[in-house]
PDB file of N, CA and C in Angstrom:
ATOM      1  N   MET A   1     -11.383 -16.186  40.877  1.00  0.00           N
ATOM      2  CA  MET A   1     -10.809 -15.748  39.625  1.00  0.00           C
ATOM      3  C   MET A   1     -11.774 -14.840  38.862  1.00  0.00           C
ATOM      4  N   SER A   2     -13.074 -15.172  38.914  1.00  0.00           N
ATOM      5  CA  SER A   2     -14.039 -14.359  38.188  1.00  0.00           C
ATOM      6  C   SER A   2     -14.166 -12.982  38.830  1.00  0.00           C
ATOM      7  N   ARG A   3     -13.981 -12.895  40.159  1.00  0.00           N
ATOM      8  CA  ARG A   3     -14.017 -11.598  40.819  1.00  0.00           C
ATOM      9  C   ARG A   3     -12.846 -10.739  40.384  1.00  0.00           C
ATOM     10  N   LEU A   4     -11.692 -11.353  40.235  1.00  0.00           N
ATOM     11  CA  LEU A   4     -10.509 -10.633  39.787  1.00  0.00           C
ATOM     12  C   LEU A   4     -10.718 -10.113  38.370  1.00  0.00           C
ATOM     13  N   THR A   5     -11.281 -10.938  37.527  1.00  0.00           N
ATOM     14  CA  THR A   5     -11.534 -10.540  36.148  1.00  0.00           C
ATOM     15  C   THR A   5     -12.553  -9.400  36.104  1.00  0.00           C
ATOM     16  N   ALA A   6     -13.596  -9.512  36.905  1.00  0.00           N
ATOM     17  CA  ALA A   6     -14.625  -8.469  36.922  1.00  0.00           C
ATOM     18  C   ALA A   6     -14.049  -7.153  37.446  1.00  0.00           C
ATOM     19  N   SER A   7     -13.192  -7.240  38.444  1.00  0.00           N
ATOM     20  CA  SER A   7     -12.612  -6.008  38.979  1.00  0.00           C
ATOM     21  C   SER A   7     -11.641  -5.387  37.987  1.00  0.00           C
ATOM     22  N   LEU A   8     -10.900  -6.201  37.257  1.00  0.00           N
ATOM     23  CA  LEU A   8      -9.994  -5.671  36.244  1.00  0.00           C
ATOM     24  C   LEU A   8     -10.769  -5.026  35.101  1.00  0.00           C
ATOM     25  N   VAL A   9     -11.877  -5.619  34.722  1.00  0.00           N
ATOM     26  CA  VAL A   9     -12.708  -5.036  33.677  1.00  0.00           C
ATOM     27  C   VAL A   9     -13.277  -3.705  34.161  1.00  0.00           C
ATOM     28  N   ALA A  10     -13.704  -3.650  35.420  1.00  0.00           N
ATOM     29  CA  ALA A  10     -14.246  -2.411  35.970  1.00  0.00           C
ATOM     30  C   ALA A  10     -13.190  -1.318  36.004  1.00  0.00           C
ATOM     31  N   VAL A  11     -11.974  -1.670  36.411  1.00  0.00           N
ATOM     32  CA  VAL A  11     -10.885  -0.694  36.434  1.00  0.00           C
ATOM     33  C   VAL A  11     -10.567  -0.229  35.016  1.00  0.00           C
ATOM     34  N   GLY A  12     -10.589  -1.147  34.078  1.00  0.00           N
ATOM     35  CA  GLY A  12     -10.329  -0.795  32.688  1.00  0.00           C
ATOM     36  C   GLY A  12     -11.392   0.150  32.138  1.00  0.00           C
ATOM     37  N   LEU A  13     -12.637  -0.082  32.499  1.00  0.00           N
ATOM     38  CA  LEU A  13     -13.710   0.799  32.041  1.00  0.00           C
ATOM     39  C   LEU A  13     -13.599   2.184  32.677  1.00  0.00           C
ATOM     40  N   LEU A  14     -13.234   2.226  33.946  1.00  0.00           N
ATOM     41  CA  LEU A  14     -13.111   3.517  34.615  1.00  0.00           C
ATOM     42  C   LEU A  14     -11.945   4.331  34.071  1.00  0.00           C
ATOM     43  N   ALA A  15     -10.896   3.645  33.643  1.00  0.00           N
ATOM     44  CA  ALA A  15      -9.722   4.340  33.137  1.00  0.00           C
ATOM     45  C   ALA A  15      -9.833   4.653  31.649  1.00  0.00           C
ATOM     46  N   SER A  16     -10.910   4.233  31.022  1.00  0.00           N
ATOM     47  CA  SER A  16     -11.034   4.444  29.585  1.00  0.00           C
ATOM     48  C   SER A  16     -11.396   5.896  29.287  1.00  0.00           C
ATOM     49  N   PRO A  17     -11.170   6.323  28.057  1.00  0.00           N
ATOM     50  CA  PRO A  17     -11.535   7.687  27.670  1.00  0.00           C
ATOM     51  C   PRO A  17     -13.032   7.960  27.799  1.00  0.00           C
ATOM     52  N   ALA A  18     -13.850   6.924  27.715  1.00  0.00           N
ATOM     53  CA  ALA A  18     -15.289   7.113  27.847  1.00  0.00           C
ATOM     54  C   ALA A  18     -15.630   7.651  29.237  1.00  0.00           C
ATOM     55  N   ALA A  19     -14.914   7.223  30.255  1.00  0.00           N
ATOM     56  CA  ALA A  19     -15.175   7.710  31.606  1.00  0.00           C
ATOM     57  C   ALA A  19     -14.799   9.183  31.734  1.00  0.00           C
ATOM     58  N   VAL A  20     -13.748   9.584  31.020  1.00  0.00           N
ATOM     59  CA  VAL A  20     -13.344  10.987  31.060  1.00  0.00           C
ATOM     60  C   VAL A  20     -14.410  11.859  30.394  1.00  0.00           C
ATOM     61  N   PHE A  21     -14.958  11.401  29.264  1.00  0.00           N
ATOM     62  CA  PHE A  21     -15.971  12.170  28.565  1.00  0.00           C
ATOM     63  C   PHE A  21     -17.309  12.154  29.295  1.00  0.00           C
ATOM     64  N   ALA A  22     -17.543  11.163  30.122  1.00  0.00           N
ATOM     65  CA  ALA A  22     -18.795  11.104  30.869  1.00  0.00           C
ATOM     66  C   ALA A  22     -18.896  12.257  31.855  1.00  0.00           C
ATOM     67  N   SER A  23     -17.768  12.794  32.284  1.00  0.00           N
ATOM     68  CA  SER A  23     -17.824  13.915  33.217  1.00  0.00           C
ATOM     69  C   SER A  23     -18.291  15.195  32.524  1.00  0.00           C
ATOM     70  N   ASP A  24     -18.247  15.221  31.198  1.00  0.00           N
ATOM     71  CA  ASP A  24     -18.712  16.387  30.453  1.00  0.00           C
ATOM     72  C   ASP A  24     -20.215  16.369  30.196  1.00  0.00           C
ATOM     73  N   VAL A  25     -20.883  15.269  30.508  1.00  0.00           N
ATOM     74  CA  VAL A  25     -22.315  15.158  30.278  1.00  0.00           C
ATOM     75  C   VAL A  25     -23.037  16.000  31.320  1.00  0.00           C
ATOM     76  N   ASN A  26     -24.032  16.749  30.884  1.00  0.00           N
ATOM     77  CA  ASN A  26     -24.790  17.593  31.801  1.00  0.00           C
ATOM     78  C   ASN A  26     -25.569  16.756  32.797  1.00  0.00           C
ATOM     79  N   SER A  27     -25.717  17.291  33.989  1.00  0.00           N
ATOM     80  CA  SER A  27     -26.483  16.595  35.017  1.00  0.00           C
ATOM     81  C   SER A  27     -27.970  16.838  34.805  1.00  0.00           C
ATOM     82  N   ALA A  28     -28.763  16.124  35.562  1.00  0.00           N
ATOM     83  CA  ALA A  28     -30.212  16.309  35.473  1.00  0.00           C
ATOM     84  C   ALA A  28     -30.597  17.718  35.911  1.00  0.00           C
ATOM     85  N   ALA A  29     -29.860  18.264  36.867  1.00  0.00           N
ATOM     86  CA  ALA A  29     -30.142  19.631  37.320  1.00  0.00           C
ATOM     87  C   ALA A  29     -29.893  20.634  36.201  1.00  0.00           C
ATOM     88  N   ASP A  30     -28.835  20.414  35.421  1.00  0.00           N
ATOM     89  CA  ASP A  30     -28.558  21.301  34.286  1.00  0.00           C
ATOM     90  C   ASP A  30     -29.674  21.217  33.245  1.00  0.00           C
ATOM     91  N   PHE A  31     -30.136  19.994  32.979  1.00  0.00           N
ATOM     92  CA  PHE A  31     -31.230  19.837  32.025  1.00  0.00           C
ATOM     93  C   PHE A  31     -32.484  20.542  32.533  1.00  0.00           C
ATOM     94  N   GLY A  32     -32.780  20.385  33.818  1.00  0.00           N
ATOM     95  CA  GLY A  32     -33.961  21.027  34.386  1.00  0.00           C
ATOM     96  C   GLY A  32     -33.870  22.535  34.343  1.00  0.00           C
ATOM     97  N   ALA A  33     -32.695  23.073  34.665  1.00  0.00           N
ATOM     98  CA  ALA A  33     -32.512  24.520  34.640  1.00  0.00           C
ATOM     99  C   ALA A  33     -32.644  25.053  33.223  1.00  0.00           C
ATOM    100  N   SER A  34     -32.111  24.320  32.261  1.00  0.00           N
ATOM    101  CA  SER A  34     -32.232  24.751  30.865  1.00  0.00           C
ATOM    102  C   SER A  34     -33.683  24.722  30.410  1.00  0.00           C
ATOM    103  N   ALA A  35     -34.402  23.671  30.790  1.00  0.00           N
ATOM    104  CA  ALA A  35     -35.802  23.567  30.396  1.00  0.00           C
ATOM    105  C   ALA A  35     -36.618  24.682  31.037  1.00  0.00           C
ATOM    106  N   TYR A  36     -36.341  24.987  32.304  1.00  0.00           N
ATOM    107  CA  TYR A  36     -37.066  26.065  32.975  1.00  0.00           C
ATOM    108  C   TYR A  36     -36.751  27.408  32.315  1.00  0.00           C
ATOM    109  N   GLY A  37     -35.486  27.635  31.993  1.00  0.00           N
ATOM    110  CA  GLY A  37     -35.103  28.876  31.331  1.00  0.00           C
ATOM    111  C   GLY A  37     -35.780  29.038  29.985  1.00  0.00           C
ATOM    112  N   ASN A  38     -35.863  27.956  29.239  1.00  0.00           N
ATOM    113  CA  ASN A  38     -36.541  28.012  27.944  1.00  0.00           C
ATOM    114  C   ASN A  38     -38.033  28.281  28.114  1.00  0.00           C
ATOM    115  N   ALA A  39     -38.640  27.652  29.108  1.00  0.00           N
ATOM    116  CA  ALA A  39     -40.070  27.864  29.338  1.00  0.00           C
ATOM    117  C   ALA A  39     -40.352  29.303  29.743  1.00  0.00           C
ATOM    118  N   VAL A  40     -39.476  29.892  30.550  1.00  0.00           N
ATOM    119  CA  VAL A  40     -39.668  31.273  30.976  1.00  0.00           C
ATOM    120  C   VAL A  40     -39.522  32.221  29.795  1.00  0.00           C
ATOM    121  N   ARG A  41     -38.584  31.927  28.910  1.00  0.00           N
ATOM    122  CA  ARG A  41     -38.424  32.772  27.727  1.00  0.00           C
ATOM    123  C   ARG A  41     -39.636  32.664  26.810  1.00  0.00           C
ATOM    124  N   ILE A  42     -40.199  31.469  26.689  1.00  0.00           N
ATOM    125  CA  ILE A  42     -41.334  31.264  25.790  1.00  0.00           C
ATOM    126  C   ILE A  42     -42.627  31.765  26.422  1.00  0.00           C
ATOM    127  N   TYR A  43     -42.827  31.456  27.704  1.00  0.00           N
ATOM    128  CA  TYR A  43     -44.060  31.816  28.398  1.00  0.00           C
ATOM    129  C   TYR A  43     -43.739  32.682  29.623  1.00  0.00           C
ATOM    130  N   PRO A  44     -43.409  33.943  29.426  1.00  0.00           N
ATOM    131  CA  PRO A  44     -43.082  34.784  30.582  1.00  0.00           C
ATOM    132  C   PRO A  44     -44.323  35.042  31.434  1.00  0.00           C
ATOM    133  N   ARG A  45     -44.110  35.120  32.735  1.00  0.00           N
ATOM    134  CA  ARG A  45     -45.213  35.395  33.651  1.00  0.00           C
ATOM    135  C   ARG A  45     -45.483  36.891  33.702  1.00  0.00           C
ATOM    136  N   THR A  46     -46.745  37.212  33.857  1.00  0.00           N
ATOM    137  CA  THR A  46     -47.092  38.608  34.094  1.00  0.00           C
ATOM    138  C   THR A  46     -46.933  38.891  35.581  1.00  0.00           C
ATOM    139  N   ARG A  47     -47.016  40.148  35.958  1.00  0.00           N
ATOM    140  CA  ARG A  47     -46.898  40.494  37.381  1.00  0.00           C
ATOM    141  C   ARG A  47     -47.986  39.830  38.201  1.00  0.00           C
ATOM    142  N   GLU A  48     -49.184  39.784  37.640  1.00  0.00           N
ATOM    143  CA  GLU A  48     -50.306  39.173  38.374  1.00  0.00           C
ATOM    144  C   GLU A  48     -50.096  37.677  38.550  1.00  0.00           C
ATOM    145  N   GLU A  49     -49.637  36.996  37.491  1.00  0.00           N
ATOM    146  CA  GLU A  49     -49.367  35.564  37.595  1.00  0.00           C
ATOM    147  C   GLU A  49     -48.247  35.293  38.588  1.00  0.00           C
ATOM    148  N   GLU A  50     -47.228  36.132  38.584  1.00  0.00           N
ATOM    149  CA  GLU A  50     -46.116  35.974  39.523  1.00  0.00           C
ATOM    150  C   GLU A  50     -46.600  36.174  40.956  1.00  0.00           C
ATOM    151  N   ARG A  51     -47.454  37.172  41.158  1.00  0.00           N
ATOM    152  CA  ARG A  51     -48.000  37.431  42.491  1.00  0.00           C
ATOM    153  C   ARG A  51     -48.811  36.239  42.978  1.00  0.00           C
ATOM    154  N   LYS A  52     -49.667  35.681  42.096  1.00  0.00           N
ATOM    155  CA  LYS A  52     -50.477  34.521  42.469  1.00  0.00           C
ATOM    156  C   LYS A  52     -49.589  33.324  42.807  1.00  0.00           C
ATOM    157  N   TRP A  53     -48.558  33.093  41.998  1.00  0.00           N
ATOM    158  CA  TRP A  53     -47.664  31.964  42.229  1.00  0.00           C
ATOM    159  C   TRP A  53     -46.939  32.123  43.563  1.00  0.00           C
ATOM    160  N   LEU A  54     -46.459  33.340  43.843  1.00  0.00           N
ATOM    161  CA  LEU A  54     -45.751  33.565  45.106  1.00  0.00           C
ATOM    162  C   LEU A  54     -46.671  33.368  46.300  1.00  0.00           C
ATOM    163  N   LEU A  55     -47.903  33.835  46.205  1.00  0.00           N
ATOM    164  CA  LEU A  55     -48.835  33.636  47.310  1.00  0.00           C
ATOM    165  C   LEU A  55     -49.176  32.165  47.505  1.00  0.00           C
ATOM    166  N   GLN A  56     -49.306  31.424  46.409  1.00  0.00           N
ATOM    167  CA  GLN A  56     -49.552  29.984  46.530  1.00  0.00           C
ATOM    168  C   GLN A  56     -48.372  29.290  47.196  1.00  0.00           C
ATOM    169  N   ARG A  57     -47.172  29.675  46.809  1.00  0.00           N
ATOM    170  CA  ARG A  57     -45.971  29.078  47.400  1.00  0.00           C
ATOM    171  C   ARG A  57     -45.875  29.434  48.881  1.00  0.00           C
ATOM    172  N   LEU A  58     -46.178  30.684  49.224  1.00  0.00           N
ATOM    173  CA  LEU A  58     -46.141  31.107  50.615  1.00  0.00           C
ATOM    174  C   LEU A  58     -47.178  30.359  51.442  1.00  0.00           C
ATOM    175  N   GLU A  59     -48.383  30.177  50.891  1.00  0.00           N
ATOM    176  CA  GLU A  59     -49.413  29.422  51.597  1.00  0.00           C
ATOM    177  C   GLU A  59     -48.980  27.981  51.825  1.00  0.00           C
ATOM    178  N   ALA A  60     -48.326  27.382  50.831  1.00  0.00           N
ATOM    179  CA  ALA A  60     -47.856  26.001  50.973  1.00  0.00           C
ATOM    180  C   ALA A  60     -46.802  25.900  52.073  1.00  0.00           C
ATOM    181  N   VAL A  61     -45.906  26.867  52.128  1.00  0.00           N
ATOM    182  CA  VAL A  61     -44.869  26.844  53.162  1.00  0.00           C
ATOM    183  C   VAL A  61     -45.491  27.074  54.534  1.00  0.00           C
ATOM    184  N   CYS A  62     -46.425  28.014  54.620  1.00  0.00           N
ATOM    185  CA  CYS A  62     -47.057  28.323  55.912  1.00  0.00           C
ATOM    186  C   CYS A  62     -47.961  27.195  56.392  1.00  0.00           C
ATOM    187  N   ASP A  63     -48.532  26.409  55.474  1.00  0.00           N
ATOM    188  CA  ASP A  63     -49.372  25.280  55.861  1.00  0.00           C
ATOM    189  C   ASP A  63     -48.576  24.075  56.336  1.00  0.00           C
ATOM    190  N   SER A  64     -47.286  24.068  56.057  1.00  0.00           N
ATOM    191  CA  SER A  64     -46.432  22.949  56.441  1.00  0.00           C
ATOM    192  C   SER A  64     -46.278  22.903  57.959  1.00  0.00           C
ATOM    193  N   LYS A  65     -46.106  21.713  58.479  1.00  0.00           N
ATOM    194  CA  LYS A  65     -45.927  21.535  59.922  1.00  0.00           C
ATOM    195  C   LYS A  65     -44.460  21.531  60.331  1.00  0.00           C
ATOM    196  N   LEU A  66     -43.552  21.584  59.370  1.00  0.00           N
ATOM    197  CA  LEU A  66     -42.125  21.572  59.681  1.00  0.00           C
ATOM    198  C   LEU A  66     -41.721  22.876  60.356  1.00  0.00           C
ATOM    199  N   ARG A  67     -40.865  22.762  61.352  1.00  0.00           N
ATOM    200  CA  ARG A  67     -40.402  23.943  62.078  1.00  0.00           C
ATOM    201  C   ARG A  67     -39.641  24.891  61.155  1.00  0.00           C
ATOM    202  N   SER A  68     -38.823  24.340  60.263  1.00  0.00           N
ATOM    203  CA  SER A  68     -38.049  25.188  59.342  1.00  0.00           C
ATOM    204  C   SER A  68     -38.985  25.956  58.405  1.00  0.00           C
ATOM    205  N   ASP A  69     -40.048  25.304  57.953  1.00  0.00           N
ATOM    206  CA  ASP A  69     -41.013  25.991  57.086  1.00  0.00           C
ATOM    207  C   ASP A  69     -41.763  27.071  57.853  1.00  0.00           C
ATOM    208  N   GLN A  70     -42.065  26.828  59.114  1.00  0.00           N
ATOM    209  CA  GLN A  70     -42.734  27.843  59.923  1.00  0.00           C
ATOM    210  C   GLN A  70     -41.840  29.066  60.115  1.00  0.00           C
ATOM    211  N   ARG A  71     -40.525  28.819  60.313  1.00  0.00           N
ATOM    212  CA  ARG A  71     -39.583  29.939  60.418  1.00  0.00           C
ATOM    213  C   ARG A  71     -39.517  30.714  59.115  1.00  0.00           C
ATOM    214  N   ARG A  72     -39.485  29.994  57.984  1.00  0.00           N
ATOM    215  CA  ARG A  72     -39.466  30.655  56.686  1.00  0.00           C
ATOM    216  C   ARG A  72     -40.736  31.468  56.473  1.00  0.00           C
ATOM    217  N   CYS A  73     -41.862  30.939  56.914  1.00  0.00           N
ATOM    218  CA  CYS A  73     -43.139  31.638  56.787  1.00  0.00           C
ATOM    219  C   CYS A  73     -43.109  32.927  57.613  1.00  0.00           C
ATOM    220  N   ASP A  74     -42.664  32.836  58.859  1.00  0.00           N
ATOM    221  CA  ASP A  74     -42.583  34.022  59.717  1.00  0.00           C
ATOM    222  C   ASP A  74     -41.649  35.067  59.125  1.00  0.00           C
ATOM    223  N   HIS A  75     -40.522  34.610  58.616  1.00  0.00           N
ATOM    224  CA  HIS A  75     -39.544  35.520  58.010  1.00  0.00           C
ATOM    225  C   HIS A  75     -40.143  36.205  56.777  1.00  0.00           C
ATOM    226  N   ALA A  76     -40.833  35.437  55.954  1.00  0.00           N
ATOM    227  CA  ALA A  76     -41.445  36.003  54.745  1.00  0.00           C
ATOM    228  C   ALA A  76     -42.497  37.046  55.105  1.00  0.00           C
ATOM    229  N   TRP A  77     -43.320  36.764  56.112  1.00  0.00           N
ATOM    230  CA  TRP A  77     -44.347  37.733  56.502  1.00  0.00           C
ATOM    231  C   TRP A  77     -43.735  38.983  57.119  1.00  0.00           C
ATOM    232  N   ARG A  78     -42.611  38.837  57.829  1.00  0.00           N
ATOM    233  CA  ARG A  78     -41.916  40.025  58.347  1.00  0.00           C
ATOM    234  C   ARG A  78     -41.405  40.892  57.204  1.00  0.00           C
ATOM    235  N   ILE A  79     -40.860  40.270  56.187  1.00  0.00           N
ATOM    236  CA  ILE A  79     -40.368  41.012  55.014  1.00  0.00           C
ATOM    237  C   ILE A  79     -41.538  41.719  54.317  1.00  0.00           C
ATOM    238  N   ILE A  80     -42.656  41.017  54.170  1.00  0.00           N
ATOM    239  CA  ILE A  80     -43.831  41.619  53.534  1.00  0.00           C
ATOM    240  C   ILE A  80     -44.330  42.805  54.354  1.00  0.00           C
ATOM    241  N   ALA A  81     -44.402  42.639  55.672  1.00  0.00           N
ATOM    242  CA  ALA A  81     -44.881  43.727  56.536  1.00  0.00           C
ATOM    243  C   ALA A  81     -43.940  44.929  56.476  1.00  0.00           C
ATOM    244  N   ASP A  82     -42.627  44.683  56.483  1.00  0.00           N
ATOM    245  CA  ASP A  82     -41.657  45.786  56.378  1.00  0.00           C
ATOM    246  C   ASP A  82     -41.791  46.512  55.044  1.00  0.00           C
ATOM    247  N   GLY A  83     -41.938  45.748  53.971  1.00  0.00           N
ATOM    248  CA  GLY A  83     -42.105  46.354  52.654  1.00  0.00           C
ATOM    249  C   GLY A  83     -43.381  47.174  52.564  1.00  0.00           C
ATOM    250  N   TYR A  84     -44.443  46.671  53.164  1.00  0.00           N
ATOM    251  CA  TYR A  84     -45.706  47.413  53.150  1.00  0.00           C
ATOM    252  C   TYR A  84     -45.584  48.705  53.964  1.00  0.00           C
ATOM    253  N   ALA A  85     -44.891  48.630  55.104  1.00  0.00           N
ATOM    254  CA  ALA A  85     -44.699  49.837  55.918  1.00  0.00           C
ATOM    255  C   ALA A  85     -43.879  50.880  55.152  1.00  0.00           C
ATOM    256  N   GLN A  86     -42.852  50.434  54.446  1.00  0.00           N
ATOM    257  CA  GLN A  86     -42.047  51.360  53.641  1.00  0.00           C
ATOM    258  C   GLN A  86     -42.876  51.977  52.519  1.00  0.00           C
ATOM    259  N   LEU A  87     -43.721  51.168  51.889  1.00  0.00           N
ATOM    260  CA  LEU A  87     -44.595  51.673  50.829  1.00  0.00           C
ATOM    261  C   LEU A  87     -45.551  52.728  51.375  1.00  0.00           C
ATOM    262  N   GLN A  88     -46.148  52.450  52.525  1.00  0.00           N
ATOM    263  CA  GLN A  88     -47.075  53.409  53.114  1.00  0.00           C
ATOM    264  C   GLN A  88     -46.357  54.695  53.506  1.00  0.00           C
ATOM    265  N   ALA A  89     -45.150  54.597  54.040  1.00  0.00           N
ATOM    266  CA  ALA A  89     -44.390  55.788  54.409  1.00  0.00           C
ATOM    267  C   ALA A  89     -44.041  56.610  53.168  1.00  0.00           C
ATOM    268  N   ARG A  90     -43.659  55.937  52.094  1.00  0.00           N
ATOM    269  CA  ARG A  90     -43.338  56.643  50.855  1.00  0.00           C
ATOM    270  C   ARG A  90     -44.568  57.336  50.280  1.00  0.00           C
ATOM    271  N   ARG A  91     -45.702  56.643  50.316  1.00  0.00           N
ATOM    272  CA  ARG A  91     -46.941  57.259  49.815  1.00  0.00           C
ATOM    273  C   ARG A  91     -47.328  58.471  50.660  1.00  0.00           C
ATOM    274  N   ALA A  92     -47.167  58.358  51.974  1.00  0.00           N
ATOM    275  CA  ALA A  92     -47.495  59.486  52.850  1.00  0.00           C
ATOM    276  C   ALA A  92     -46.566  60.668  52.584  1.00  0.00           C
ATOM    277  N   ALA A  93     -45.275  60.376  52.364  1.00  0.00           N
ATOM    278  CA  ALA A  93     -44.317  61.443  52.063  1.00  0.00           C
ATOM    279  C   ALA A  93     -44.645  62.096  50.726  1.00  0.00           C
ATOM    280  N   GLU A  94     -45.017  61.320  49.734  1.00  0.00           N
ATOM    281  CA  GLU A  94     -45.383  61.873  48.426  1.00  0.00           C
ATOM    282  C   GLU A  94     -46.654  62.714  48.535  1.00  0.00           C
ATOM    283  N   ALA A  95     -47.623  62.229  49.316  1.00  0.00           N
ATOM    284  CA  ALA A  95     -48.866  62.984  49.486  1.00  0.00           C
ATOM    285  C   ALA A  95     -48.602  64.296  50.225  1.00  0.00           C
ATOM    286  N   ALA A  96     -47.716  64.253  51.224  1.00  0.00           N
ATOM    287  CA  ALA A  96     -47.390  65.469  51.967  1.00  0.00           C
ATOM    288  C   ALA A  96     -46.653  66.471  51.089  1.00  0.00           C
ATOM    289  N   SER A  97     -45.747  65.976  50.275  1.00  0.00           N
ATOM    290  CA  SER A  97     -45.008  66.895  49.393  1.00  0.00           C
ATOM    291  C   SER A  97     -45.901  67.441  48.280  1.00  0.00           C
ATOM    292  N   ALA A  98     -46.887  66.670  47.850  1.00  0.00           N
ATOM    293  CA  ALA A  98     -47.796  67.137  46.808  1.00  0.00           C
ATOM    294  C   ALA A  98     -48.724  68.232  47.337  1.00  0.00           C
ATOM    295  N   THR A  99     -49.067  68.155  48.597  1.00  0.00           N
ATOM    296  CA  THR A  99     -49.959  69.170  49.153  1.00  0.00           C
ATOM    297  C   THR A  99     -49.198  70.440  49.546  1.00  0.00           C
ATOM    298  N   THR A 100     -47.908  70.326  49.857  1.00  0.00           N
ATOM    299  CA  THR A 100     -47.147  71.509  50.249  1.00  0.00           C
ATOM    300  C   THR A 100     -46.517  72.215  49.047  1.00  0.00           C
ATOM    301  N   ASP A 101     -46.306  71.538  47.945  1.00  0.00           N
ATOM    302  CA  ASP A 101     -45.672  72.159  46.775  1.00  0.00           C
ATOM    303  C   ASP A 101     -46.517  73.295  46.177  1.00  0.00           C
ATOM    304  N   PRO A 102     -47.825  73.154  46.025  1.00  0.00           N
ATOM    305  CA  PRO A 102     -48.587  74.274  45.447  1.00  0.00           C
ATOM    306  C   PRO A 102     -48.522  75.532  46.307  1.00  0.00           C
ATOM    307  N   LEU A 103     -48.325  75.393  47.589  1.00  0.00           N
ATOM    308  CA  LEU A 103     -48.247  76.560  48.464  1.00  0.00           C
ATOM    309  C   LEU A 103     -46.952  77.343  48.250  1.00  0.00           C
ATOM    310  N   LYS A 104     -45.908  76.641  47.807  1.00  0.00           N
ATOM    311  CA  LYS A 104     -44.632  77.329  47.583  1.00  0.00           C
ATOM    312  C   LYS A 104     -44.676  78.202  46.338  1.00  0.00           C
ATOM    313  N   ASP A 105     -45.494  77.837  45.378  1.00  0.00           N
ATOM    314  CA  ASP A 105     -45.546  78.602  44.130  1.00  0.00           C
ATOM    315  C   ASP A 105     -46.284  79.831  44.297  1.00  0.00           C
TER     316      ASP A 105
END
């Protein structure tokens, strides 16, 4: 009998308006995202701080023994190498155009 009463009370609580309003309460992830957003607005990172943070994060991932982290590390280094190659090609093109432009005048 006590189990029946407890189950009826539980059903009554679940069907109450309080249960409907509980779905409107923010989750812990929402609170965390809001706190992070506020911190970024108050204390924005400089480019140098962002670079240091990214390198620390990359080192942590690359130091991990997990296969998935090793794949992420390899992928990240491929992206970095491609970006560096593009930067070098752009610099070479700019240097070549800078040396040929005075000759045209």
